[in-house]
Amino acid sequence: MAGGEIDRIKTRIKKAATVLADDHSPMSEGKLDRVAKQVKGKLQQAVDQMKAAVAANRGSRWAR
């Protein structure tokens, strides 16, 4: 990924964290960063679970 793309992703994560935290005017950048890390962690867990599910189903006749 290019540096600019990473910055755009970070910005989107911060915006999503603000919406999920229902805090439309964050008072501190630190709070927003903590929430963004939590959201990012949850998203990574979901991605990992989906990858595991796909890998587990590759042997089934439906995955062919």
PDB file of N, CA and C in Angstrom:
ATOM      1  N   MET A   1       0.840  -1.183   0.000  1.00  0.00           N
ATOM      2  CA  MET A   1       0.000   0.000   0.000  1.00  0.00           C
ATOM      3  C   MET A   1       0.882   1.242   0.000  1.00  0.00           C
ATOM      4  N   ALA A   2       0.434   2.218  -0.686  1.00  0.00           N
ATOM      5  CA  ALA A   2       1.161   3.485  -0.725  1.00  0.00           C
ATOM      6  C   ALA A   2       0.876   4.282   0.550  1.00  0.00           C
ATOM      7  N   GLY A   3       1.787   5.193   0.878  1.00  0.00           N
ATOM      8  CA  GLY A   3       1.644   5.992   2.095  1.00  0.00           C
ATOM      9  C   GLY A   3       0.354   6.791   2.133  1.00  0.00           C
ATOM     10  N   GLY A   4      -0.047   7.330   1.001  1.00  0.00           N
ATOM     11  CA  GLY A   4      -1.282   8.106   0.949  1.00  0.00           C
ATOM     12  C   GLY A   4      -2.511   7.266   1.212  1.00  0.00           C
ATOM     13  N   GLU A   5      -2.475   6.033   0.724  1.00  0.00           N
ATOM     14  CA  GLU A   5      -3.611   5.140   0.929  1.00  0.00           C
ATOM     15  C   GLU A   5      -3.736   4.758   2.401  1.00  0.00           C
ATOM     16  N   ILE A   6      -2.618   4.548   3.062  1.00  0.00           N
ATOM     17  CA  ILE A   6      -2.627   4.222   4.488  1.00  0.00           C
ATOM     18  C   ILE A   6      -3.214   5.383   5.285  1.00  0.00           C
ATOM     19  N   ASP A   7      -2.843   6.611   4.925  1.00  0.00           N
ATOM     20  CA  ASP A   7      -3.388   7.780   5.614  1.00  0.00           C
ATOM     21  C   ASP A   7      -4.898   7.882   5.424  1.00  0.00           C
ATOM     22  N   ARG A   8      -5.371   7.584   4.219  1.00  0.00           N
ATOM     23  CA  ARG A   8      -6.819   7.623   3.972  1.00  0.00           C
ATOM     24  C   ARG A   8      -7.536   6.563   4.804  1.00  0.00           C
ATOM     25  N   ILE A   9      -6.927   5.389   4.924  1.00  0.00           N
ATOM     26  CA  ILE A   9      -7.532   4.321   5.716  1.00  0.00           C
ATOM     27  C   ILE A   9      -7.587   4.729   7.185  1.00  0.00           C
ATOM     28  N   LYS A  10      -6.507   5.320   7.696  1.00  0.00           N
ATOM     29  CA  LYS A  10      -6.486   5.775   9.089  1.00  0.00           C
ATOM     30  C   LYS A  10      -7.569   6.816   9.325  1.00  0.00           C
ATOM     31  N   THR A  11      -7.734   7.730   8.385  1.00  0.00           N
ATOM     32  CA  THR A  11      -8.761   8.764   8.519  1.00  0.00           C
ATOM     33  C   THR A  11     -10.146   8.131   8.556  1.00  0.00           C
ATOM     34  N   ARG A  12     -10.390   7.159   7.692  1.00  0.00           N
ATOM     35  CA  ARG A  12     -11.699   6.494   7.675  1.00  0.00           C
ATOM     36  C   ARG A  12     -11.960   5.747   8.978  1.00  0.00           C
ATOM     37  N   ILE A  13     -10.921   5.099   9.509  1.00  0.00           N
ATOM     38  CA  ILE A  13     -11.083   4.384  10.777  1.00  0.00           C
ATOM     39  C   ILE A  13     -11.418   5.369  11.886  1.00  0.00           C
ATOM     40  N   LYS A  14     -10.752   6.511  11.905  1.00  0.00           N
ATOM     41  CA  LYS A  14     -11.034   7.516  12.935  1.00  0.00           C
ATOM     42  C   LYS A  14     -12.463   8.039  12.815  1.00  0.00           C
ATOM     43  N   LYS A  15     -12.913   8.271  11.585  1.00  0.00           N
ATOM     44  CA  LYS A  15     -14.284   8.745  11.392  1.00  0.00           C
ATOM     45  C   LYS A  15     -15.289   7.687  11.841  1.00  0.00           C
ATOM     46  N   ALA A  16     -15.020   6.431  11.504  1.00  0.00           N
ATOM     47  CA  ALA A  16     -15.918   5.349  11.912  1.00  0.00           C
ATOM     48  C   ALA A  16     -15.937   5.211  13.423  1.00  0.00           C
ATOM     49  N   ALA A  17     -14.788   5.360  14.051  1.00  0.00           N
ATOM     50  CA  ALA A  17     -14.713   5.268  15.504  1.00  0.00           C
ATOM     51  C   ALA A  17     -15.518   6.384  16.154  1.00  0.00           C
ATOM     52  N   THR A  18     -15.474   7.555  15.586  1.00  0.00           N
ATOM     53  CA  THR A  18     -16.233   8.684  16.116  1.00  0.00           C
ATOM     54  C   THR A  18     -17.723   8.399  16.045  1.00  0.00           C
ATOM     55  N   VAL A  19     -18.159   7.852  14.923  1.00  0.00           N
ATOM     56  CA  VAL A  19     -19.577   7.534  14.761  1.00  0.00           C
ATOM     57  C   VAL A  19     -19.984   6.416  15.714  1.00  0.00           C
ATOM     58  N   LEU A  20     -19.154   5.363  15.806  1.00  0.00           N
ATOM     59  CA  LEU A  20     -19.484   4.246  16.693  1.00  0.00           C
ATOM     60  C   LEU A  20     -19.498   4.664  18.154  1.00  0.00           C
ATOM     61  N   ALA A  21     -18.640   5.608  18.510  1.00  0.00           N
ATOM     62  CA  ALA A  21     -18.587   6.079  19.891  1.00  0.00           C
ATOM     63  C   ALA A  21     -19.697   7.092  20.171  1.00  0.00           C
ATOM     64  N   ASP A  22     -20.437   7.466  19.123  1.00  0.00           N
ATOM     65  CA  ASP A  22     -21.509   8.456  19.231  1.00  0.00           C
ATOM     66  C   ASP A  22     -20.983   9.753  19.836  1.00  0.00           C
ATOM     67  N   ASP A  23     -19.786  10.109  19.448  1.00  0.00           N
ATOM     68  CA  ASP A  23     -19.121  11.316  19.937  1.00  0.00           C
ATOM     69  C   ASP A  23     -18.742  12.144  18.719  1.00  0.00           C
ATOM     70  N   HIS A  24     -19.654  12.990  18.289  1.00  0.00           N
ATOM     71  CA  HIS A  24     -19.448  13.726  17.049  1.00  0.00           C
ATOM     72  C   HIS A  24     -18.507  14.906  17.199  1.00  0.00           C
ATOM     73  N   SER A  25     -18.139  15.254  18.399  1.00  0.00           N
ATOM     74  CA  SER A  25     -17.157  16.309  18.616  1.00  0.00           C
ATOM     75  C   SER A  25     -16.150  15.850  19.669  1.00  0.00           C
ATOM     76  N   PRO A  26     -15.223  14.991  19.277  1.00  0.00           N
ATOM     77  CA  PRO A  26     -14.281  14.447  20.265  1.00  0.00           C
ATOM     78  C   PRO A  26     -13.454  15.554  20.900  1.00  0.00           C
ATOM     79  N   MET A  27     -13.320  15.474  22.218  1.00  0.00           N
ATOM     80  CA  MET A  27     -12.587  16.509  22.948  1.00  0.00           C
ATOM     81  C   MET A  27     -11.089  16.261  22.915  1.00  0.00           C
ATOM     82  N   SER A  28     -10.685  15.028  22.789  1.00  0.00           N
ATOM     83  CA  SER A  28      -9.251  14.762  22.781  1.00  0.00           C
ATOM     84  C   SER A  28      -8.905  13.770  21.682  1.00  0.00           C
ATOM     85  N   GLU A  29      -7.778  13.990  21.072  1.00  0.00           N
ATOM     86  CA  GLU A  29      -7.317  13.097  20.019  1.00  0.00           C
ATOM     87  C   GLU A  29      -6.987  11.728  20.594  1.00  0.00           C
ATOM     88  N   GLY A  30      -6.523  11.665  21.828  1.00  0.00           N
ATOM     89  CA  GLY A  30      -6.179  10.400  22.461  1.00  0.00           C
ATOM     90  C   GLY A  30      -7.371   9.465  22.574  1.00  0.00           C
ATOM     91  N   LYS A  31      -8.522  10.019  22.942  1.00  0.00           N
ATOM     92  CA  LYS A  31      -9.726   9.207  23.066  1.00  0.00           C
ATOM     93  C   LYS A  31     -10.107   8.639  21.705  1.00  0.00           C
ATOM     94  N   LEU A  32     -10.021   9.442  20.700  1.00  0.00           N
ATOM     95  CA  LEU A  32     -10.351   9.005  19.353  1.00  0.00           C
ATOM     96  C   LEU A  32      -9.379   7.919  18.887  1.00  0.00           C
ATOM     97  N   ASP A  33      -8.108   8.067  19.197  1.00  0.00           N
ATOM     98  CA  ASP A  33      -7.121   7.060  18.825  1.00  0.00           C
ATOM     99  C   ASP A  33      -7.395   5.731  19.515  1.00  0.00           C
ATOM    100  N   ARG A  34      -7.787   5.772  20.788  1.00  0.00           N
ATOM    101  CA  ARG A  34      -8.097   4.538  21.518  1.00  0.00           C
ATOM    102  C   ARG A  34      -9.290   3.824  20.893  1.00  0.00           C
ATOM    103  N   VAL A  35     -10.310   4.577  20.576  1.00  0.00           N
ATOM    104  CA  VAL A  35     -11.508   3.988  19.983  1.00  0.00           C
ATOM    105  C   VAL A  35     -11.174   3.451  18.585  1.00  0.00           C
ATOM    106  N   ALA A  36     -10.359   4.172  17.834  1.00  0.00           N
ATOM    107  CA  ALA A  36      -9.962   3.714  16.501  1.00  0.00           C
ATOM    108  C   ALA A  36      -9.199   2.399  16.597  1.00  0.00           C
ATOM    109  N   LYS A  37      -8.332   2.267  17.588  1.00  0.00           N
ATOM    110  CA  LYS A  37      -7.591   1.012  17.774  1.00  0.00           C
ATOM    111  C   LYS A  37      -8.542  -0.127  18.111  1.00  0.00           C
ATOM    112  N   GLN A  38      -9.543   0.152  18.941  1.00  0.00           N
ATOM    113  CA  GLN A  38     -10.512  -0.875  19.297  1.00  0.00           C
ATOM    114  C   GLN A  38     -11.294  -1.328  18.062  1.00  0.00           C
ATOM    115  N   VAL A  39     -11.725  -0.370  17.261  1.00  0.00           N
ATOM    116  CA  VAL A  39     -12.481  -0.696  16.049  1.00  0.00           C
ATOM    117  C   VAL A  39     -11.603  -1.496  15.099  1.00  0.00           C
ATOM    118  N   LYS A  40     -10.377  -1.060  14.943  1.00  0.00           N
ATOM    119  CA  LYS A  40      -9.450  -1.766  14.057  1.00  0.00           C
ATOM    120  C   LYS A  40      -9.227  -3.191  14.542  1.00  0.00           C
ATOM    121  N   GLY A  41      -9.093  -3.366  15.850  1.00  0.00           N
ATOM    122  CA  GLY A  41      -8.912  -4.705  16.409  1.00  0.00           C
ATOM    123  C   GLY A  41     -10.109  -5.605  16.150  1.00  0.00           C
ATOM    124  N   LYS A  42     -11.297  -5.065  16.332  1.00  0.00           N
ATOM    125  CA  LYS A  42     -12.519  -5.847  16.094  1.00  0.00           C
ATOM    126  C   LYS A  42     -12.648  -6.213  14.616  1.00  0.00           C
ATOM    127  N   LEU A  43     -12.313  -5.276  13.741  1.00  0.00           N
ATOM    128  CA  LEU A  43     -12.368  -5.563  12.312  1.00  0.00           C
ATOM    129  C   LEU A  43     -11.363  -6.647  11.942  1.00  0.00           C
ATOM    130  N   GLN A  44     -10.178  -6.598  12.522  1.00  0.00           N
ATOM    131  CA  GLN A  44      -9.163  -7.611  12.240  1.00  0.00           C
ATOM    132  C   GLN A  44      -9.626  -8.979  12.728  1.00  0.00           C
ATOM    133  N   GLN A  45     -10.288  -9.026  13.888  1.00  0.00           N
ATOM    134  CA  GLN A  45     -10.824 -10.290  14.388  1.00  0.00           C
ATOM    135  C   GLN A  45     -11.860 -10.854  13.424  1.00  0.00           C
ATOM    136  N   ALA A  46     -12.717  -9.986  12.909  1.00  0.00           N
ATOM    137  CA  ALA A  46     -13.754 -10.425  11.972  1.00  0.00           C
ATOM    138  C   ALA A  46     -13.122 -10.962  10.688  1.00  0.00           C
ATOM    139  N   VAL A  47     -12.104 -10.277  10.194  1.00  0.00           N
ATOM    140  CA  VAL A  47     -11.407 -10.727   8.987  1.00  0.00           C
ATOM    141  C   VAL A  47     -10.763 -12.088   9.233  1.00  0.00           C
ATOM    142  N   ASP A  48     -10.112 -12.250  10.377  1.00  0.00           N
ATOM    143  CA  ASP A  48      -9.463 -13.514  10.701  1.00  0.00           C
ATOM    144  C   ASP A  48     -10.483 -14.653  10.794  1.00  0.00           C
ATOM    145  N   GLN A  49     -11.641 -14.373  11.383  1.00  0.00           N
ATOM    146  CA  GLN A  49     -12.684 -15.388  11.494  1.00  0.00           C
ATOM    147  C   GLN A  49     -13.217 -15.776  10.119  1.00  0.00           C
ATOM    148  N   MET A  50     -13.389 -14.797   9.244  1.00  0.00           N
ATOM    149  CA  MET A  50     -13.864 -15.086   7.899  1.00  0.00           C
ATOM    150  C   MET A  50     -12.843 -15.908   7.125  1.00  0.00           C
ATOM    151  N   LYS A  51     -11.568 -15.574   7.266  1.00  0.00           N
ATOM    152  CA  LYS A  51     -10.520 -16.345   6.589  1.00  0.00           C
ATOM    153  C   LYS A  51     -10.511 -17.779   7.082  1.00  0.00           C
ATOM    154  N   ALA A  52     -10.666 -17.965   8.387  1.00  0.00           N
ATOM    155  CA  ALA A  52     -10.687 -19.310   8.952  1.00  0.00           C
ATOM    156  C   ALA A  52     -11.897 -20.095   8.449  1.00  0.00           C
ATOM    157  N   ALA A  53     -13.043 -19.426   8.354  1.00  0.00           N
ATOM    158  CA  ALA A  53     -14.252 -20.092   7.879  1.00  0.00           C
ATOM    159  C   ALA A  53     -14.108 -20.505   6.416  1.00  0.00           C
ATOM    160  N   VAL A  54     -13.529 -19.632   5.615  1.00  0.00           N
ATOM    161  CA  VAL A  54     -13.325 -19.948   4.200  1.00  0.00           C
ATOM    162  C   VAL A  54     -12.338 -21.098   4.065  1.00  0.00           C
ATOM    163  N   ALA A  55     -11.263 -21.060   4.837  1.00  0.00           N
ATOM    164  CA  ALA A  55     -10.264 -22.125   4.776  1.00  0.00           C
ATOM    165  C   ALA A  55     -10.868 -23.460   5.214  1.00  0.00           C
ATOM    166  N   ALA A  56     -11.731 -23.441   6.199  1.00  0.00           N
ATOM    167  CA  ALA A  56     -12.348 -24.669   6.689  1.00  0.00           C
ATOM    168  C   ALA A  56     -13.317 -25.250   5.664  1.00  0.00           C
ATOM    169  N   ASN A  57     -13.932 -24.399   4.866  1.00  0.00           N
ATOM    170  CA  ASN A  57     -14.930 -24.856   3.888  1.00  0.00           C
ATOM    171  C   ASN A  57     -14.354 -25.180   2.526  1.00  0.00           C
ATOM    172  N   ARG A  58     -13.075 -24.968   2.335  1.00  0.00           N
ATOM    173  CA  ARG A  58     -12.482 -25.228   1.010  1.00  0.00           C
ATOM    174  C   ARG A  58     -12.578 -26.689   0.612  1.00  0.00           C
ATOM    175  N   GLY A  59     -12.599 -27.566   1.576  1.00  0.00           N
ATOM    176  CA  GLY A  59     -12.672 -28.989   1.254  1.00  0.00           C
ATOM    177  C   GLY A  59     -14.079 -29.484   0.970  1.00  0.00           C
ATOM    178  N   SER A  60     -15.070 -28.698   1.278  1.00  0.00           N
ATOM    179  CA  SER A  60     -16.447 -29.136   1.071  1.00  0.00           C
ATOM    180  C   SER A  60     -16.817 -29.059  -0.408  1.00  0.00           C
ATOM    181  N   ARG A  61     -17.841 -29.772  -0.776  1.00  0.00           N
ATOM    182  CA  ARG A  61     -18.236 -29.789  -2.188  1.00  0.00           C
ATOM    183  C   ARG A  61     -18.848 -28.462  -2.629  1.00  0.00           C
ATOM    184  N   TRP A  62     -19.309 -27.638  -1.697  1.00  0.00           N
ATOM    185  CA  TRP A  62     -19.929 -26.363  -2.038  1.00  0.00           C
ATOM    186  C   TRP A  62     -18.901 -25.292  -2.371  1.00  0.00           C
ATOM    187  N   ALA A  63     -17.694 -25.445  -1.909  1.00  0.00           N
ATOM    188  CA  ALA A  63     -16.667 -24.426  -2.110  1.00  0.00           C
ATOM    189  C   ALA A  63     -15.989 -24.572  -3.462  1.00  0.00           C
ATOM    190  N   ARG A  64     -16.299 -25.606  -4.207  1.00  0.00           N
ATOM    191  CA  ARG A  64     -15.616 -25.843  -5.502  1.00  0.00           C
ATOM    192  C   ARG A  64     -16.170 -25.040  -6.614  1.00  0.00           C
TER     193      ARG A  64
END
